[in-house]
Protein backbone atom coordinates (compact mmCIF):
# COMPACT_ATOMS: atom_id res chain seq x y z
CA MET A 1 0.09 -0.10 -0.02
CA GLY A 2 1.34 3.28 -1.02
CA ALA A 3 2.05 6.14 1.48
CA THR A 4 -0.56 8.33 2.56
CA ASP A 5 -0.79 12.07 1.29
CA PRO A 6 -1.53 14.50 4.28
CA VAL A 7 -2.66 17.05 1.74
CA ARG A 8 -5.13 14.71 0.14
CA ASP A 9 -6.34 13.42 3.29
CA ALA A 10 -6.98 16.90 4.57
CA LEU A 11 -9.10 17.84 1.41
CA ALA A 12 -10.99 14.58 1.96
CA ARG A 13 -11.88 15.42 5.67
CA THR A 14 -12.76 19.06 4.52
CA ARG A 15 -15.12 17.78 1.74
CA GLU A 16 -17.05 15.34 4.23
CA ALA A 17 -17.31 18.21 6.68
CA VAL A 18 -18.65 20.71 4.14
CA LEU A 19 -21.07 18.10 2.81
CA SER A 20 -22.37 16.87 6.14
CA GLY A 21 -22.57 20.48 7.69
CA GLY A 22 -20.24 19.60 10.53
CA PRO A 23 -17.33 21.81 11.66
CA VAL A 24 -14.77 22.63 9.13
CA ARG A 25 -11.35 22.70 10.72
CA GLU A 26 -9.33 23.31 7.45
CA PRO A 27 -11.47 25.54 5.29
CA GLN A 28 -11.47 25.58 1.56
CA ARG A 29 -9.87 27.88 -0.62
CA ASP A 30 -12.25 30.62 -1.78
CA VAL A 31 -12.16 29.80 -5.44
CA VAL A 32 -12.96 26.13 -4.55
CA SER A 33 -15.66 27.18 -1.96
CA ARG A 34 -17.60 29.44 -4.56
CA SER A 35 -17.36 26.84 -7.14
CA TRP A 36 -18.90 24.21 -4.80
CA ARG A 37 -21.92 26.59 -3.94
CA ARG A 38 -22.45 26.97 -7.73
CA SER A 39 -22.29 23.52 -8.39
CA LEU A 40 -24.72 22.29 -5.40
CA ALA A 41 -26.99 24.97 -6.56
CA ALA A 42 -27.01 23.43 -9.94
CA HIS A 43 -28.13 19.95 -8.18
CA VAL A 44 -24.75 18.13 -9.10
CA ASP A 45 -24.56 14.92 -7.16
CA PRO A 46 -21.29 14.76 -5.42
CA GLU A 47 -21.40 10.85 -5.09
CA ASN A 48 -22.87 9.62 -8.55
CA ASP A 49 -22.67 12.28 -11.31
CA ALA A 50 -20.98 11.94 -14.70
CA PRO A 51 -20.46 14.46 -17.55
CA ASN A 52 -23.12 14.77 -20.05
CA TYR A 53 -22.10 13.26 -23.42
CA GLU A 54 -23.55 15.74 -25.77
CA HIS A 55 -21.89 15.07 -29.32
CA GLU A 56 -20.77 12.19 -31.32
CA ARG A 57 -17.29 12.47 -32.80
CA ALA A 58 -18.52 13.51 -36.29
CA GLU A 59 -20.23 16.46 -34.67
CA VAL A 60 -17.18 17.34 -32.69
CA ASP A 61 -15.06 17.22 -35.69
CA ARG A 62 -17.59 19.78 -37.47
CA ILE A 63 -17.40 22.07 -34.25
CA ARG A 64 -13.53 21.67 -34.22
CA ARG A 65 -13.18 23.03 -37.77
CA CYS A 66 -15.02 26.33 -37.20
CA HIS A 67 -13.97 26.86 -33.65
CA PRO A 68 -11.78 30.07 -33.01
CA LEU A 69 -9.28 28.01 -31.08
CA SER A 70 -8.71 25.63 -33.95
CA PRO A 71 -5.73 27.68 -35.43
CA ALA A 72 -3.95 27.91 -31.90
CA LEU A 73 -4.16 24.20 -31.49
CA PRO A 74 -0.62 23.61 -32.80
CA LEU A 75 0.92 25.99 -30.44
CA LEU A 76 -0.81 24.52 -27.51
CA ARG A 77 0.26 20.99 -28.60
CA GLN A 78 3.82 22.17 -29.10
CA THR A 79 3.66 23.87 -25.65
CA LEU A 80 2.05 21.18 -23.46
CA VAL A 81 1.77 17.91 -25.03
CA ASP A 82 5.22 16.79 -24.77
CA ILE A 83 5.51 17.85 -21.11
CA ALA A 84 2.08 16.15 -20.43
CA ASP A 85 3.49 12.88 -21.88
CA GLN A 86 6.64 12.94 -19.72
CA ALA A 87 4.49 13.45 -16.51
CA MET A 88 1.72 10.83 -17.59
CA HIS A 89 -0.69 13.75 -18.00
CA MET A 90 -2.83 14.91 -20.72
CA MET A 91 -3.82 18.19 -22.41
CA ILE A 92 -7.42 19.14 -23.06
CA VAL A 93 -8.85 22.14 -24.82
CA THR A 94 -12.65 23.02 -24.26
CA ASP A 95 -15.00 25.68 -25.89
CA GLU A 96 -16.73 28.36 -23.87
CA GLN A 97 -19.14 26.11 -22.34
CA GLY A 98 -16.69 23.48 -21.21
CA LEU A 99 -17.29 21.14 -24.06
CA ILE A 100 -14.14 19.01 -24.70
CA LEU A 101 -12.83 19.46 -28.12
CA TRP A 102 -9.45 18.20 -28.17
CA ARG A 103 -7.35 16.03 -25.59
CA GLU A 104 -3.90 14.56 -26.43
CA GLY A 105 -1.39 12.98 -24.29
CA GLN A 106 0.05 9.60 -23.17
CA ARG A 107 -2.02 6.67 -24.16
CA ASP A 108 -2.52 5.09 -20.92
CA VAL A 109 -3.74 8.25 -19.46
CA LEU A 110 -6.05 8.80 -22.21
CA ARG A 111 -7.72 5.28 -21.75
CA ARG A 112 -7.96 5.94 -17.97
CA ALA A 113 -9.75 9.28 -18.71
CA GLU A 114 -12.05 7.53 -20.98
CA GLN A 115 -13.34 5.32 -18.07
CA VAL A 116 -14.49 8.41 -16.29
CA GLY A 117 -15.88 10.49 -19.17
CA LEU A 118 -12.83 12.73 -19.84
CA VAL A 119 -13.38 12.45 -23.71
CA GLU A 120 -14.27 14.56 -26.68
CA GLY A 121 -17.90 15.39 -26.74
CA THR A 122 -18.50 15.58 -22.95
CA ARG A 123 -19.20 19.04 -21.29
CA TRP A 124 -17.24 19.80 -18.01
CA SER A 125 -19.02 22.86 -17.12
CA GLU A 126 -19.77 23.41 -13.41
CA GLU A 127 -23.65 22.67 -14.09
CA SER A 128 -22.64 19.33 -15.70
CA ILE A 129 -20.14 17.89 -13.43
CA GLY A 130 -19.48 20.10 -10.39
CA THR A 131 -16.16 21.80 -9.58
CA ASN A 132 -13.38 20.87 -11.99
CA ALA A 133 -10.48 23.03 -13.32
CA MET A 134 -11.98 23.31 -16.80
CA GLY A 135 -15.35 24.46 -15.67
CA THR A 136 -14.27 26.44 -12.73
CA ALA A 137 -11.76 28.31 -14.93
CA LEU A 138 -14.50 29.29 -17.33
CA ALA A 139 -16.98 29.97 -14.70
CA ALA A 140 -14.60 32.28 -12.52
CA ASP A 141 -12.77 33.48 -15.70
CA GLU A 142 -9.26 32.76 -13.93
CA ALA A 143 -6.74 30.15 -13.81
CA VAL A 144 -7.09 27.46 -11.26
CA THR A 145 -5.87 24.12 -10.03
CA ILE A 146 -8.38 21.63 -8.61
CA HIS A 147 -6.61 18.96 -6.64
CA SER A 148 -7.98 15.64 -5.52
CA ALA A 149 -11.00 16.13 -3.10
CA GLU A 150 -11.56 19.74 -4.03
CA HIS A 151 -13.29 17.97 -6.82
CA LEU A 152 -17.03 17.90 -5.77
CA VAL A 153 -17.75 14.66 -7.37
CA ARG A 154 -16.01 11.70 -5.65
CA THR A 155 -15.15 10.03 -8.84
CA TYR A 156 -12.57 12.57 -9.72
CA HIS A 157 -10.46 12.62 -6.33
CA PRO A 158 -7.69 10.64 -7.98
CA TRP A 159 -7.22 13.41 -10.39
CA THR A 160 -5.73 16.98 -10.33
CA CYS A 161 -6.08 19.49 -13.20
CA ALA A 162 -4.98 22.87 -13.83
CA ALA A 163 -6.67 25.11 -16.48
CA ALA A 164 -6.68 28.60 -17.85
CA PRO A 165 -9.31 30.49 -19.74
CA ILE A 166 -8.62 31.75 -23.23
CA HIS A 167 -10.05 34.99 -24.59
CA ASP A 168 -10.81 36.26 -28.01
CA PRO A 169 -8.23 38.96 -28.66
CA GLU A 170 -10.92 41.11 -30.53
CA THR A 171 -13.76 41.15 -28.25
CA GLY A 172 -12.25 39.86 -24.70
CA GLU A 173 -14.88 37.39 -24.66
CA LEU A 174 -14.29 33.81 -23.42
CA ILE A 175 -13.65 31.42 -26.23
CA GLY A 176 -12.48 28.30 -24.25
CA ALA A 177 -9.96 26.81 -21.70
CA VAL A 178 -6.72 24.80 -21.74
CA ASP A 179 -6.14 22.21 -19.34
CA VAL A 180 -3.61 19.62 -18.18
CA THR A 181 -4.92 16.87 -16.17
CA GLY A 182 -3.26 13.86 -14.46
CA SER A 183 -2.88 11.92 -11.43
CA ALA A 184 -3.00 13.63 -8.15
CA ARG A 185 0.04 11.82 -6.90
CA THR A 186 2.19 13.13 -9.51
CA PHE A 187 0.80 16.60 -10.47
CA HIS A 188 3.59 19.18 -10.18
CA PRO A 189 2.84 22.42 -8.51
CA THR A 190 4.44 24.56 -11.42
CA THR A 191 1.96 22.99 -13.94
CA LEU A 192 -0.53 25.88 -13.60
CA LYS A 193 1.96 28.47 -14.48
CA LEU A 194 2.90 26.38 -17.61
CA VAL A 195 -0.80 26.28 -18.57
CA ILE A 196 -1.15 30.18 -17.96
CA ALA A 197 1.75 30.72 -20.20
CA ALA A 198 0.24 28.27 -22.86
CA ALA A 199 -3.11 30.30 -22.64
CA ARG A 200 -1.28 33.66 -23.13
CA LEU A 201 0.64 32.50 -26.01
CA ALA A 202 -2.55 31.09 -27.80
CA GLU A 203 -4.23 34.29 -27.25
CA CYS A 204 -0.96 36.21 -28.67
CA HIS A 205 -1.11 33.80 -31.48
CA LEU A 206 -4.77 34.60 -32.45
CA ALA A 207 -4.01 38.43 -32.03
CA ALA A 208 -1.25 38.13 -34.46
CA GLN A 209 -3.66 36.29 -37.03
CA VAL A 210 -6.32 39.07 -36.47
CA ALA A 211 -3.79 41.80 -37.34
CA VAL A 212 -2.63 39.80 -40.35
CA ARG A 213 -6.17 39.49 -41.43
CA ASP A 214 -6.95 43.08 -40.83
CA GLU A 215 -4.03 44.04 -42.95
CA ARG A 216 -5.00 41.79 -45.71
CA LEU A 217 -8.34 43.10 -45.50
CA LEU A 218 -7.44 46.77 -45.63
CA ALA A 219 -5.10 45.80 -48.57
CA ARG A 220 -7.77 44.41 -50.63
CA GLY A 221 -10.80 46.51 -49.49
CA LEU A 222 -9.31 50.02 -49.88
CA ALA A 223 -10.09 49.96 -53.39
CA HIS A 224 -13.70 49.36 -52.63
CA LEU A 225 -13.90 52.14 -50.05
CA THR A 226 -12.11 54.45 -52.55
CA ALA A 227 -14.75 53.31 -55.11
CA LEU A 228 -17.37 55.11 -53.09
CA ARG A 229 -16.02 58.45 -54.65
CA GLY A 230 -16.13 60.34 -51.14
CA GLU A 231 -19.66 58.81 -49.97
CA PRO A 232 -19.43 57.60 -46.48
CA GLY A 233 -18.37 54.26 -46.05
CA ALA A 234 -16.14 51.78 -43.94
CA LEU A 235 -14.30 48.50 -44.05
CA LEU A 236 -15.42 46.30 -41.29
CA ALA A 237 -13.77 43.09 -39.54
CA PRO A 238 -15.96 40.04 -39.68
CA ASN A 239 -17.37 40.88 -36.10
CA GLY A 240 -18.15 44.47 -36.99
CA ARG A 241 -15.10 46.37 -35.84
CA VAL A 242 -14.29 49.33 -38.03
CA LEU A 243 -11.02 49.27 -39.54
CA ALA A 244 -11.16 52.35 -41.97
CA ALA A 245 -13.97 54.92 -42.42
CA GLN A 246 -14.46 57.82 -44.68
CA PRO A 247 -15.12 60.35 -43.37
CA GLU A 248 -13.04 59.52 -40.12
CA GLY A 249 -15.21 59.36 -37.08
CA TRP A 250 -18.72 59.15 -38.67
CA LEU A 251 -18.97 55.66 -37.10
CA PRO A 252 -18.73 53.93 -33.75
CA PRO A 253 -15.82 51.72 -33.17
CA ARG A 254 -17.92 48.60 -33.83
CA ILE A 255 -21.13 48.04 -35.61
CA ALA A 256 -23.82 45.48 -34.51
CA LEU A 257 -24.06 43.10 -37.42
CA PRO A 258 -27.57 41.81 -38.34
CA ASN A 259 -28.56 38.12 -38.03
CA GLY A 260 -29.98 38.13 -41.65
CA GLY A 261 -30.20 40.71 -44.30
CA ASP A 262 -27.75 43.60 -45.30
CA ARG A 263 -29.16 46.50 -43.40
CA VAL A 264 -27.66 47.99 -40.22
CA TRP A 265 -28.84 50.93 -38.13
CA PHE A 266 -26.54 52.83 -35.83
CA SER A 267 -26.57 56.46 -34.14
CA GLY A 268 -25.49 58.01 -37.39
CA GLY A 269 -28.18 56.53 -39.73
CA GLU A 270 -28.60 53.48 -41.80
CA GLY A 271 -25.98 51.55 -43.74
CA VAL A 272 -25.76 48.81 -46.36
CA LEU A 273 -23.49 45.63 -45.76
CA GLU A 274 -21.58 44.25 -48.97
CA PRO A 275 -19.62 41.04 -47.90
CA LEU A 276 -15.74 41.08 -48.84
CA ALA A 277 -13.40 38.12 -48.32
CA GLU A 278 -12.84 37.98 -44.60
CA GLY A 279 -14.94 41.36 -43.73
CA TRP A 280 -17.44 43.85 -44.92
CA LEU A 281 -17.83 47.12 -46.82
CA LEU A 282 -20.29 49.22 -45.22
CA ARG A 283 -21.79 52.11 -47.15
CA ALA A 284 -24.34 54.68 -46.25
CA ALA A 285 -27.89 53.95 -47.33
CA ARG A 286 -28.77 55.92 -50.34
CA THR A 287 -32.21 57.80 -50.51
CA THR A 288 -34.03 57.54 -53.66
CA VAL A 289 -34.41 60.75 -55.86
CA ASP A 290 -37.89 60.09 -56.76
CA GLY A 291 -39.12 59.38 -53.28
CA SER A 292 -40.05 55.81 -53.95
CA PRO A 293 -39.65 53.44 -51.15
CA ALA A 294 -36.62 51.06 -50.80
CA LEU A 295 -37.35 47.49 -50.42
CA THR A 296 -34.62 45.31 -49.49
CA MET A 297 -35.00 41.51 -50.11
CA PRO A 298 -32.13 39.40 -48.60
CA PHE A 299 -33.35 35.79 -49.55
CA LEU A 300 -30.34 33.83 -50.26
CA GLY A 301 -29.77 31.12 -47.57
CA ILE A 302 -32.69 32.39 -45.40
CA ASP A 303 -35.06 29.93 -43.90
CA ARG A 304 -37.37 32.59 -42.53
CA PRO A 305 -37.39 35.49 -44.84
CA VAL A 306 -37.56 39.15 -43.80
CA ALA A 307 -37.61 41.93 -46.00
CA HIS A 308 -37.01 45.76 -45.09
CA LEU A 309 -39.17 48.56 -46.26
CA ASP A 310 -37.49 51.81 -45.65
CA GLY A 311 -35.32 50.16 -43.11
CA GLN A 312 -38.23 48.53 -41.19
CA PRO A 313 -38.38 44.80 -40.96
CA ILE A 314 -41.35 42.97 -42.27
CA ARG A 315 -41.66 39.41 -41.53
CA LEU A 316 -42.89 37.28 -44.38
CA THR A 317 -44.47 33.86 -44.96
CA LEU A 318 -42.64 31.77 -47.46
CA ARG A 319 -45.52 32.23 -49.87
CA HIS A 320 -45.20 35.99 -49.62
CA ALA A 321 -41.39 35.89 -50.08
CA GLU A 322 -42.11 33.82 -53.24
CA LEU A 323 -44.40 36.35 -54.77
CA LEU A 324 -41.91 39.24 -54.00
CA THR A 325 -39.02 37.14 -55.68
CA MET A 326 -41.06 36.76 -58.83
CA LEU A 327 -42.11 40.41 -58.89
CA ALA A 328 -38.50 41.46 -58.39
CA LEU A 329 -37.43 39.19 -61.30
CA HIS A 330 -40.08 40.57 -63.55
CA PRO A 331 -40.26 44.18 -62.83
CA ASP A 332 -42.60 45.05 -65.62
CA GLY A 333 -45.35 43.10 -63.81
CA LEU A 334 -47.03 39.84 -63.60
CA THR A 335 -50.68 38.82 -63.97
CA ALA A 336 -52.42 36.54 -61.64
CA ASP A 337 -52.47 33.71 -64.10
CA ALA A 338 -48.78 34.00 -64.69
CA LEU A 339 -47.99 34.17 -60.81
CA ALA A 340 -50.15 31.21 -60.36
CA THR A 341 -48.29 29.00 -62.75
CA MET A 342 -45.00 30.19 -61.57
CA LEU A 343 -45.73 29.22 -57.99
CA HIS A 344 -48.11 26.18 -58.24
CA GLY A 345 -47.60 24.67 -61.60
CA ASP A 346 -50.33 23.79 -63.99
CA ASP A 347 -52.81 23.29 -60.98
CA GLY A 348 -52.29 26.89 -59.73
CA LYS A 349 -55.43 29.04 -59.19
CA THR A 350 -55.69 32.72 -59.83
CA VAL A 351 -58.28 32.97 -56.82
CA THR A 352 -55.46 31.78 -54.50
CA ILE A 353 -52.88 33.88 -55.81
CA ARG A 354 -55.21 37.00 -55.58
CA ALA A 355 -56.09 36.41 -51.92
CA GLU A 356 -52.09 36.04 -51.27
CA VAL A 357 -51.35 39.33 -53.18
CA HIS A 358 -54.04 41.06 -51.24
CA ARG A 359 -52.53 40.05 -47.94
CA LEU A 360 -49.05 41.07 -48.88
CA ARG A 361 -50.34 44.31 -50.24
CA THR A 362 -51.86 45.06 -46.87
CA ALA A 363 -48.24 44.36 -45.19
CA LEU A 364 -46.36 46.47 -47.64
CA GLY A 365 -48.71 49.10 -48.62
CA ALA A 366 -50.58 50.00 -51.87
CA ARG A 367 -47.87 52.41 -52.68
CA VAL A 368 -45.34 49.33 -52.89
CA LEU A 369 -47.54 46.90 -54.62
CA ARG A 370 -49.29 48.06 -57.67
CA THR A 371 -51.98 46.24 -59.66
CA GLN A 372 -52.95 45.38 -63.14
CA PRO A 373 -50.55 43.99 -63.59
CA TYR A 374 -49.09 43.04 -60.22
CA ARG A 375 -45.63 44.97 -59.88
CA LEU A 376 -43.38 46.59 -57.24
CA HIS A 377 -43.04 50.29 -57.14
CA ALA A 378 -40.08 50.45 -55.13
CA ARG A 379 -36.11 50.57 -55.48
CA VAL A 380 -35.41 46.99 -55.16
CA ASP A 381 -32.30 45.82 -53.50
CA ALA A 382 -32.23 42.12 -53.74
CA ASP A 383 -29.25 40.06 -52.84
CA PHE A 384 -30.09 37.62 -55.52
CA HIS A 385 -30.29 40.37 -58.09
CA ALA A 386 -26.71 41.53 -56.98
CA VAL A 387 -25.09 38.02 -57.34
CA HIS A 388 -26.75 37.69 -60.93
CA ASP A 389 -25.59 41.24 -62.11
CA ALA A 390 -22.04 40.47 -60.70
CA LEU A 391 -21.87 37.32 -62.78
CA LEU A 392 -23.07 39.25 -65.91
CA ALA A 393 -20.40 41.87 -65.29
CA GLY A 394 -17.72 39.14 -64.68
CA ARG A 395 -17.08 40.12 -61.20
CA ILE A 396 -16.87 36.68 -60.08
CA ARG A 397 -15.50 37.04 -56.64
CA ASP A 398 -18.27 39.76 -55.70
CA ALA A 399 -20.79 37.28 -56.84
CA ALA A 400 -19.43 34.53 -54.83
CA LEU A 401 -18.83 36.85 -51.72
CA GLY A 402 -22.36 38.02 -52.09
CA TYR A 403 -23.97 34.51 -52.55
CA ARG A 404 -24.84 33.36 -48.86
CA GLY A 405 -26.77 30.30 -49.73
CA PRO A 406 -29.52 28.96 -51.99
CA LEU A 407 -32.50 31.24 -53.04
CA LEU A 408 -35.39 30.73 -50.52
CA PRO A 409 -34.01 27.22 -49.81
CA ARG A 410 -37.39 25.81 -48.36
CA SER A 411 -39.45 26.79 -51.40
CA GLU A 412 -40.75 24.28 -53.63
CA ALA A 413 -42.43 26.68 -56.11
CA PRO A 414 -41.41 25.66 -59.68
CA ALA A 415 -40.20 28.92 -60.69
CA ILE A 416 -38.30 29.74 -57.47
CA ARG A 417 -36.75 26.25 -57.72
CA GLU A 418 -35.61 26.91 -61.26
CA GLU A 419 -34.21 30.21 -60.34
CA ARG A 420 -32.28 28.73 -57.49
CA GLU A 421 -30.81 26.02 -59.51
CA LEU A 422 -29.85 28.37 -62.38
CA LEU A 423 -28.12 30.96 -60.14
CA ALA A 424 -26.20 28.23 -58.10
CA ALA A 425 -25.16 26.42 -61.15
CA ALA A 426 -24.08 29.62 -62.97
CA LEU A 427 -22.06 30.76 -59.91
CA ARG A 428 -20.48 27.38 -59.48
CA THR A 429 -19.29 27.13 -63.14
CA ALA A 430 -17.92 30.68 -63.22
CA VAL A 431 -16.05 30.30 -59.74
CA LEU A 432 -14.52 26.99 -60.92
CA ARG A 433 -13.32 28.44 -64.11
CA SER A 434 -11.95 31.66 -62.53
CA GLY A 435 -9.74 29.64 -60.03
CA ASP A 436 -10.07 32.52 -57.64
CA ILE A 437 -9.22 31.30 -54.15
CA ASP A 438 -11.41 33.65 -52.21
CA ALA A 439 -14.25 33.05 -54.43
CA MET A 440 -13.82 29.48 -54.12
CA TRP A 441 -13.41 29.67 -50.38
CA SER A 442 -16.60 31.75 -49.97
CA LEU A 443 -18.73 29.49 -52.20
CA ALA A 444 -17.45 26.53 -50.30
CA GLN A 445 -18.50 28.01 -46.83
CA ASN A 446 -22.06 29.09 -48.13
CA THR A 447 -22.82 25.80 -50.08
CA GLY A 448 -22.21 23.12 -47.45
CA SER A 449 -18.63 21.47 -47.28
CA THR A 450 -20.09 18.00 -48.05
CA ASP A 451 -22.09 18.95 -50.99
CA ASP A 452 -19.35 19.62 -53.38
CA PRO A 453 -16.14 17.77 -53.06
CA GLU A 454 -14.80 18.69 -56.52
CA LEU A 455 -14.69 22.30 -55.42
CA LEU A 456 -13.16 21.38 -51.99
CA HIS A 457 -10.27 19.46 -53.63
CA ARG A 458 -9.67 22.33 -56.19
CA LEU A 459 -9.54 24.67 -53.57
CA HIS A 460 -7.27 22.73 -51.19
CA GLN A 461 -4.75 22.37 -54.28
CA ARG A 462 -4.59 25.93 -54.95
CA LEU A 463 -4.37 27.44 -51.47
CA PRO A 464 -0.80 28.01 -50.44
CA ARG A 465 0.59 26.17 -47.58
CA PRO A 466 1.12 29.26 -45.29
CA ASP A 467 -2.66 30.13 -45.72
CA PRO A 468 -4.49 28.91 -42.52
CA ARG A 469 -7.37 27.86 -44.64
CA ARG A 470 -5.47 25.18 -46.20
CA ALA A 471 -4.98 23.31 -42.87
CA ILE A 472 -8.70 23.72 -42.01
CA LEU A 473 -9.80 22.35 -45.40
CA GLY A 474 -7.10 19.44 -45.23
CA ALA A 475 -8.43 18.50 -41.77
CA GLN A 476 -12.13 18.63 -43.22
CA LEU A 477 -11.10 16.48 -46.32
CA SER A 478 -9.31 13.93 -44.24
CA THR A 479 -12.33 13.29 -41.88
CA GLU A 480 -14.63 12.89 -45.14
CA THR A 481 -12.48 10.22 -46.89
């Protein structure tokens, strides 16, 4: 029998005293005491709980590919895994909710960890499994070591873990945690300092990538800003941070980006977003000279369509979005018979179309939807128009960047389905012929990675090795073969 450990024995006595409500001779550390209170309030069972297994391996792989910590994994691996191997420990990386995404280390340790649920796809938040270094570091937003019986759940008393949170360099928000876990008997006191250093290195690495991306976006995007010919505009990072603006100071430091559509509102007024490679061009919304209303229709890749009339959102049924799309594609107007055939096929009934148009006209107003024939009296700003026009003008990259997915993907109306398929096929053909890397990347991201293996393989071949997108794509292709 091995020698007893007085520290672990003292922690075990403290645990039993706290849980039983008896006198506590050796009080817990504050960070542990607070964590226990949170864990017990979440009804974690100190004797029997196990982590929630939330994702299968394929889903974990998908989450990994798009997680912001993915680019920092090689650095974390280089910093921690060899040392963890030598100490018979393992490195774990989680997302901001404590979901284990990566774990690497000595094979025997990984096997032992599997027996207690320390595997990819399990969630190690305090609410799920009580006090542990990963969950507590995220909850308290500070680096922490949890030793032996400081774990609330008895199953994990043989383990000690040290974890540090990692933050997004742009927003300061938590994006995950890095952890080293191993036997409580062999854990070294300096491990926490090493984990903290690794977390700071990861943040610096991500910050450097952001700086490189910003420089790349500025180099490529300033021409777009110049092309506005003095009109108010700005280049935005993917999260809405303003990188350059004309005139200077007309925008706040960050713009709140919409969940759907291309319109944004801020204290200075209204703007229109245009996607660029790795960012956005924001231009001030133009007012119409003739006083006609502005109707924005962002219908690409949208399951629940929303139009904007003079900046005000109008939620639409799918049928109303289909009607608007057909009228936008036929600016001279359509009869009820033509609309019935387009949306319902040969079985379409004009009485049904007239009823739907009446309801849509009530929502938009008679000034916008005219009759005899049915037509739109508005300045229409439709994303599917913009993609089509860019293709006709030979601006393949702009077309690909503006394509956010299929046109009204839930629609089964014959004319919508035909337009959707024609636009997608024309764009794909043009992008593949162009060989433009940014256009190919944008199209691959917006059409679904598994839908077009030919596009993915061609893109992987063209991406230079230093480009981080090549590593992401390579990992993606390796999981699909």
